[in-house]
Amino acid sequence: MRAYYLGTHRDLLDPVSLRYLRFGALWYEEHGQRLVVGYGFGESKIEILRQFGAQASCQACMDMEIVHEIYQKIRKQQQEQDWSEHRQLPLLSAFKKPWRNMSSGWYVLKFQKSFPVHLSIVHKTKYTVWIEHSAVCENEAEIQCCIEKAAAAHHIDLKWVEGWGGKRNG
């Protein structure tokens, strides 16, 4: 019979709500590997436990390092997925505000004023607008790293545009 483990860790970033919440994960171990069955975020330990109520036979894991490692692995996978998923905005987006009056080029959009933030690297052409990369950044260093990675990947020079709140190529 397989043994399931449930662990929680306080104050970890939920990349959807951009809030620091309790993180919980349910997993089992097989052949020396941890296989995550599910994970979630909640305000309290009880809220996390309710998410995994079907697995009443699981053992509590009190090792915060293990739970944090699971969280880091999930976040890394999410970051890689955010970076690699490209999507085009609806076809007429280039002709509607705010894109209508903007020059063709590369833009970095930051969607919140305070950290953590959602960040998007956008490529606007004459007729299309593409979200080339997305990221959740917890500090200025992560924003800078994302911008540098995009600049290197697309061979572009990103510069600050005063008063706009984003960055674009010159």
Protein backbone atom coordinates (compact mmCIF):
# COMPACT_ATOMS: atom_id res chain seq x y z
CA MET A 1 0.00 0.00 0.00
CA ARG A 2 1.29 3.44 -0.95
CA ALA A 3 1.93 6.01 1.81
CA TYR A 4 0.76 9.57 1.09
CA TYR A 5 2.19 12.65 2.78
CA LEU A 6 0.65 16.04 3.33
CA GLY A 7 2.72 19.06 4.25
CA THR A 8 2.10 22.77 4.51
CA HIS A 9 4.36 25.81 4.60
CA ARG A 10 3.43 29.36 5.56
CA ASP A 11 3.93 32.55 3.58
CA LEU A 12 4.73 31.29 0.10
CA LEU A 13 3.75 33.20 -3.03
CA ASP A 14 0.59 32.12 -4.82
CA PRO A 15 1.42 33.18 -8.40
CA VAL A 16 -2.25 33.60 -9.33
CA SER A 17 -3.43 35.90 -6.53
CA LEU A 18 0.05 37.39 -5.93
CA ARG A 19 -0.50 36.91 -2.21
CA TYR A 20 1.69 35.16 0.32
CA LEU A 21 -0.45 32.31 1.62
CA ARG A 22 -0.08 28.89 3.19
CA PHE A 23 1.01 26.34 0.59
CA GLY A 24 0.05 22.69 0.87
CA ALA A 25 1.10 19.65 -1.11
CA LEU A 26 0.04 16.00 -1.19
CA TRP A 27 2.57 13.49 -2.46
CA TYR A 28 3.91 9.96 -2.28
CA GLU A 29 7.39 8.60 -2.76
CA GLU A 30 8.34 5.90 -5.22
CA HIS A 31 11.78 4.72 -6.31
CA GLY A 32 13.43 7.58 -4.44
CA GLN A 33 11.30 10.27 -6.09
CA ARG A 34 8.55 12.49 -4.72
CA LEU A 35 5.47 12.39 -6.93
CA VAL A 36 3.11 15.28 -6.23
CA VAL A 37 -0.57 14.35 -6.41
CA GLY A 38 -1.83 17.87 -5.83
CA TYR A 39 -1.09 21.24 -4.28
CA GLY A 40 -2.94 24.37 -3.33
CA PHE A 41 -2.91 27.66 -1.47
CA GLY A 42 -5.10 28.85 1.35
CA GLU A 43 -5.47 31.27 4.22
CA SER A 44 -5.10 28.57 6.87
CA LYS A 45 -3.94 25.02 7.43
CA ILE A 46 -7.59 23.91 7.73
CA GLU A 47 -8.37 25.37 4.29
CA ILE A 48 -5.45 23.41 2.82
CA LEU A 49 -6.55 20.21 4.55
CA ARG A 50 -10.06 20.57 3.07
CA GLN A 51 -8.57 20.65 -0.43
CA PHE A 52 -7.12 17.19 0.17
CA GLY A 53 -9.98 15.75 2.24
CA ALA A 54 -10.28 12.68 0.00
CA GLN A 55 -6.88 11.45 1.20
CA ALA A 56 -7.75 10.98 4.86
CA SER A 57 -5.12 8.25 5.21
CA CYS A 58 -2.16 10.55 4.50
CA GLN A 59 0.63 11.19 6.98
CA ALA A 60 1.50 14.71 8.08
CA CYS A 61 4.96 15.86 6.99
CA MET A 62 6.44 18.32 9.45
CA ASP A 63 9.68 18.83 7.47
CA MET A 64 9.39 22.37 6.09
CA GLU A 65 12.42 21.83 3.83
CA ILE A 66 10.65 19.04 1.92
CA VAL A 67 7.49 21.13 1.47
CA HIS A 68 9.58 24.14 0.38
CA GLU A 69 11.47 21.96 -2.15
CA ILE A 70 8.14 20.81 -3.62
CA TYR A 71 6.98 24.44 -3.83
CA GLN A 72 10.23 25.52 -5.53
CA LYS A 73 9.97 22.70 -8.07
CA ILE A 74 6.36 23.64 -8.91
CA ARG A 75 7.24 27.36 -9.19
CA LYS A 76 10.18 26.55 -11.47
CA GLN A 77 7.91 24.51 -13.76
CA GLN A 78 5.36 27.36 -13.79
CA GLN A 79 8.09 29.89 -14.64
CA GLU A 80 9.33 27.74 -17.52
CA GLN A 81 5.79 27.37 -18.83
CA ASP A 82 5.13 31.14 -18.53
CA TRP A 83 8.34 31.86 -20.43
CA SER A 84 7.64 29.45 -23.28
CA GLU A 85 3.93 30.10 -23.91
CA HIS A 86 3.44 32.68 -26.65
CA ARG A 87 -0.01 33.94 -27.48
CA GLN A 88 -1.45 36.45 -29.85
CA LEU A 89 -4.00 38.96 -28.60
CA PRO A 90 -7.23 39.11 -30.64
CA LEU A 91 -6.61 40.22 -34.23
CA LEU A 92 -7.95 43.75 -33.94
CA SER A 93 -5.98 44.51 -30.74
CA ALA A 94 -3.31 46.41 -32.66
CA PHE A 95 -6.02 48.88 -33.76
CA LYS A 96 -7.59 49.40 -30.32
CA LYS A 97 -6.44 51.29 -27.23
CA PRO A 98 -3.85 51.18 -25.79
CA TRP A 99 -1.99 49.60 -28.74
CA ARG A 100 -3.46 51.77 -31.51
CA ASN A 101 -1.20 54.76 -30.79
CA MET A 102 1.89 52.79 -29.89
CA SER A 103 4.80 52.21 -32.22
CA SER A 104 5.77 48.76 -33.36
CA GLY A 105 8.34 47.32 -31.00
CA TRP A 106 8.95 45.39 -27.82
CA TYR A 107 7.32 46.35 -24.53
CA VAL A 108 7.66 45.21 -20.94
CA LEU A 109 4.39 45.57 -19.05
CA LYS A 110 4.29 45.54 -15.26
CA PHE A 111 0.73 45.07 -14.03
CA GLN A 112 1.04 46.10 -10.36
CA LYS A 113 2.79 48.99 -8.66
CA SER A 114 4.07 47.00 -5.70
CA PHE A 115 5.67 43.57 -5.53
CA PRO A 116 4.98 40.84 -6.37
CA VAL A 117 3.98 41.69 -9.96
CA HIS A 118 2.84 40.04 -13.15
CA LEU A 119 5.17 40.97 -16.00
CA SER A 120 4.65 40.48 -19.74
CA ILE A 121 7.06 40.90 -22.64
CA VAL A 122 4.94 42.06 -25.58
CA HIS A 123 5.86 42.38 -29.25
CA LYS A 124 3.68 44.81 -31.19
CA THR A 125 3.84 44.83 -34.97
CA LYS A 126 1.81 46.96 -37.36
CA TYR A 127 -1.06 44.42 -37.41
CA THR A 128 -0.58 42.14 -34.37
CA VAL A 129 0.18 42.12 -30.66
CA TRP A 130 1.90 39.07 -29.16
CA ILE A 131 2.54 38.24 -25.54
CA GLU A 132 5.91 36.58 -25.99
CA HIS A 133 6.71 35.86 -22.33
CA SER A 134 5.11 36.22 -18.92
CA ALA A 135 6.57 36.11 -15.43
CA VAL A 136 5.70 36.56 -11.80
CA CYS A 137 8.41 38.68 -10.18
CA GLU A 138 8.89 39.15 -6.45
CA ASN A 139 11.48 41.92 -6.67
CA GLU A 140 13.32 44.31 -9.00
CA ALA A 141 16.16 41.81 -9.57
CA GLU A 142 13.70 39.25 -10.98
CA ILE A 143 12.24 41.89 -13.30
CA GLN A 144 15.71 42.81 -14.53
CA CYS A 145 16.59 39.14 -15.06
CA CYS A 146 13.44 38.60 -17.14
CA ILE A 147 14.13 41.69 -19.25
CA GLU A 148 17.73 40.64 -19.87
CA LYS A 149 16.63 37.11 -20.79
CA ALA A 150 14.09 38.50 -23.30
CA ALA A 151 16.62 40.93 -24.74
CA ALA A 152 19.12 38.10 -25.27
CA ALA A 153 16.52 35.68 -26.67
CA HIS A 154 15.16 38.16 -29.21
CA HIS A 155 18.35 40.14 -29.88
CA ILE A 156 16.75 43.44 -28.86
CA ASP A 157 17.80 46.44 -26.82
CA LEU A 158 15.17 47.32 -24.24
CA LYS A 159 15.13 50.90 -22.93
CA TRP A 160 13.00 52.77 -20.41
CA VAL A 161 10.22 54.99 -21.70
CA GLU A 162 9.51 57.69 -19.11
CA GLY A 163 5.95 58.09 -17.89
CA TRP A 164 4.61 55.04 -19.67
CA GLY A 165 5.34 52.40 -17.01
CA GLY A 166 6.87 49.95 -19.43
CA LYS A 167 9.95 49.46 -21.48
CA ARG A 168 10.34 49.28 -25.21
CA ASN A 169 13.10 49.10 -27.76
CA GLY A 170 14.50 52.34 -29.16
